[in-house]
Amino acid sequence: MPAHPETRIGHVHLKVADLERAVRFYRDVLGFEVTQYFGQSAAFLSVGGYHHHIGLNTWESRGGAAPPHGTTGLYHAAILFPSRLELARAVKRVLAAGVSLTGASDHGVSEAVYLQDPDGNGLELYVDRPRSAWPFVNGELRMGTAPLDLAGLLALADQPDAP
């Protein structure tokens, strides 16, 4: 029996080497707000007043190194933005902070940019297209990986909010 269709993934909890470095990235670069510290070993961050979307801890990883390429683990955590404008603003903040993108793709159903946090955890920042614009062929969804018009996306970043 499948899970209920309104089931969602609620948060991601990441092992990090340096708690304050990780908090600065998620707070100052991505714009999340710290909702709580758990001593000096964990922090919880969110947007919109939720208890937490991201948990960061050093319980098993203080001073540790990122896992080497080619090993198992988290591929990436995906952060869904409510609009193309908000995605553009987030990408602009990321680039202004000197964070390199590892990729940028148009998947047909969404537009996404990829990067790594300071601990090497993969992140996808993305916006979904309306379902009516998804690429269906003969009733079958055909997602893909085409180049993203990053310049076009970034051109939106300085637009004012809609009234």
Protein backbone atom coordinates (compact mmCIF):
# COMPACT_ATOMS: atom_id res chain seq x y z
CA MET A 1 0.00 0.00 0.00
CA PRO A 2 1.52 3.39 -0.98
CA ALA A 3 2.03 6.24 1.47
CA HIS A 4 -0.67 8.89 1.67
CA PRO A 5 -0.24 11.42 -1.20
CA GLU A 6 0.09 14.34 1.23
CA THR A 7 3.12 12.75 2.93
CA ARG A 8 6.17 15.03 2.76
CA ILE A 9 9.80 14.87 3.81
CA GLY A 10 9.95 17.20 6.79
CA HIS A 11 13.62 18.03 7.36
CA VAL A 12 17.20 17.02 6.80
CA HIS A 13 19.73 16.58 9.60
CA LEU A 14 23.38 16.87 8.59
CA LYS A 15 26.62 15.91 10.30
CA VAL A 16 29.06 18.81 10.08
CA ALA A 17 32.67 19.37 11.15
CA ASP A 18 32.31 22.96 12.38
CA LEU A 19 28.90 24.02 13.70
CA GLU A 20 29.37 27.78 13.46
CA ARG A 21 30.79 27.55 9.92
CA ALA A 22 27.75 25.50 8.87
CA VAL A 23 25.33 27.87 10.61
CA ARG A 24 26.92 30.87 8.85
CA PHE A 25 26.43 29.15 5.49
CA TYR A 26 22.80 28.14 5.99
CA ARG A 27 21.88 31.39 7.78
CA ASP A 28 23.93 34.04 5.98
CA VAL A 29 24.18 32.56 2.49
CA LEU A 30 20.93 30.60 2.08
CA GLY A 31 18.83 32.81 4.37
CA PHE A 32 17.54 30.27 6.91
CA GLU A 33 16.90 31.44 10.47
CA VAL A 34 18.31 29.75 13.57
CA THR A 35 15.39 28.53 15.67
CA GLN A 36 17.41 26.85 18.40
CA TYR A 37 20.89 25.82 19.47
CA PHE A 38 21.30 22.55 21.31
CA GLY A 39 24.30 23.42 23.43
CA GLN A 40 27.42 23.90 21.31
CA SER A 41 26.90 20.74 19.30
CA ALA A 42 23.73 21.25 17.27
CA ALA A 43 21.62 23.96 15.67
CA PHE A 44 18.22 23.95 14.02
CA LEU A 45 17.25 26.33 11.21
CA SER A 46 14.08 27.06 9.28
CA VAL A 47 12.13 29.52 7.19
CA GLY A 48 8.64 30.82 7.78
CA GLY A 49 8.54 30.04 11.49
CA TYR A 50 8.62 26.23 11.16
CA HIS A 51 10.44 24.43 14.01
CA HIS A 52 13.24 23.29 11.70
CA HIS A 53 13.92 22.35 8.12
CA ILE A 54 17.63 21.78 8.66
CA GLY A 55 19.38 20.25 11.63
CA LEU A 56 23.15 20.53 11.93
CA ASN A 57 25.21 18.61 14.47
CA THR A 58 28.78 17.73 15.39
CA TRP A 59 27.87 14.77 17.63
CA GLU A 60 29.89 12.29 15.54
CA SER A 61 31.70 14.62 13.16
CA ARG A 62 33.37 17.57 14.96
CA GLY A 63 36.56 18.33 13.04
CA GLY A 64 35.82 15.53 10.58
CA ALA A 65 36.35 15.42 6.84
CA ALA A 66 33.78 15.03 4.10
CA PRO A 67 33.42 11.46 2.80
CA PRO A 68 35.59 10.79 -0.24
CA HIS A 69 34.08 10.92 -3.71
CA GLY A 70 32.72 7.55 -4.80
CA THR A 71 31.34 6.52 -1.42
CA THR A 72 27.74 6.04 -0.39
CA GLY A 73 25.74 8.63 1.53
CA LEU A 74 23.56 11.61 0.85
CA TYR A 75 23.69 12.69 -2.81
CA HIS A 76 22.00 16.00 -2.08
CA ALA A 77 19.25 17.64 -0.09
CA ALA A 78 16.83 19.68 -2.19
CA ILE A 79 15.49 23.07 -1.14
CA LEU A 80 12.31 24.05 -2.98
CA PHE A 81 11.73 27.77 -3.52
CA PRO A 82 8.23 29.19 -4.00
CA SER A 83 9.03 31.04 -7.23
CA ARG A 84 11.64 31.57 -9.91
CA LEU A 85 12.28 35.02 -8.46
CA GLU A 86 13.13 33.59 -5.04
CA LEU A 87 15.37 30.93 -6.60
CA ALA A 88 17.17 33.66 -8.56
CA ARG A 89 17.69 35.69 -5.38
CA ALA A 90 19.06 32.64 -3.55
CA VAL A 91 21.48 31.82 -6.38
CA LYS A 92 22.65 35.43 -6.45
CA ARG A 93 23.39 35.27 -2.68
CA VAL A 94 25.27 31.99 -3.14
CA LEU A 95 27.45 33.40 -5.90
CA ALA A 96 28.01 36.68 -4.00
CA ALA A 97 29.29 34.62 -1.06
CA GLY A 98 31.89 33.04 -3.34
CA VAL A 99 30.27 29.61 -3.35
CA SER A 100 30.80 27.75 -6.62
CA LEU A 101 27.97 26.00 -8.38
CA THR A 102 28.58 22.38 -9.30
CA GLY A 103 25.79 22.32 -11.87
CA ALA A 104 22.67 23.98 -13.23
CA SER A 105 19.93 22.04 -15.02
CA ASP A 106 16.51 22.38 -16.56
CA HIS A 107 14.72 19.12 -15.78
CA GLY A 108 11.52 20.00 -17.61
CA VAL A 109 9.54 19.78 -14.36
CA SER A 110 11.89 22.11 -12.51
CA GLU A 111 14.88 24.41 -12.77
CA ALA A 112 17.75 23.62 -10.43
CA VAL A 113 21.22 24.69 -9.39
CA TYR A 114 23.62 22.48 -7.49
CA LEU A 115 26.32 23.30 -4.97
CA GLN A 116 28.00 21.95 -1.86
CA ASP A 117 27.86 23.29 1.66
CA PRO A 118 31.14 23.84 3.57
CA ASP A 119 31.11 20.17 4.68
CA GLY A 120 30.72 18.80 1.16
CA ASN A 121 27.01 18.00 1.50
CA GLY A 122 25.31 18.32 -1.87
CA LEU A 123 22.46 20.81 -2.18
CA GLU A 124 19.92 21.37 -4.91
CA LEU A 125 18.18 24.76 -4.96
CA TYR A 126 15.17 24.51 -7.25
CA VAL A 127 11.75 25.72 -8.31
CA ASP A 128 9.04 23.52 -9.76
CA ARG A 129 7.17 24.43 -12.91
CA PRO A 130 3.37 24.19 -12.80
CA ARG A 131 2.27 20.61 -13.43
CA SER A 132 0.48 21.82 -16.59
CA ALA A 133 3.92 22.68 -18.05
CA TRP A 134 5.56 19.34 -17.26
CA PRO A 135 6.84 17.41 -20.30
CA PHE A 136 4.38 14.56 -20.80
CA VAL A 137 4.66 12.48 -23.98
CA ASN A 138 1.79 10.06 -24.60
CA GLY A 139 0.85 10.35 -20.94
CA GLU A 140 4.37 9.52 -19.70
CA LEU A 141 6.45 12.07 -17.80
CA ARG A 142 9.75 12.73 -19.61
CA MET A 143 12.07 14.56 -17.25
CA GLY A 144 15.51 15.35 -18.55
CA THR A 145 18.69 17.25 -17.87
CA ALA A 146 19.13 20.19 -20.20
CA PRO A 147 21.36 23.21 -19.57
CA LEU A 148 19.75 25.86 -17.39
CA ASP A 149 19.71 29.45 -18.64
CA LEU A 150 21.56 30.67 -15.56
CA ALA A 151 22.05 34.19 -16.91
CA GLY A 152 18.32 34.45 -17.59
CA LEU A 153 17.53 33.21 -14.10
CA LEU A 154 19.97 35.62 -12.45
CA ALA A 155 18.52 38.53 -14.44
CA LEU A 156 15.36 38.12 -12.33
CA ALA A 157 17.16 38.48 -9.00
CA ASP A 158 16.89 42.27 -8.75
CA GLN A 159 13.25 42.52 -9.74
CA PRO A 160 10.95 43.94 -7.05
CA ASP A 161 8.33 41.77 -5.39
CA ALA A 162 4.99 41.70 -7.13
CA PRO A 163 2.42 44.03 -5.53
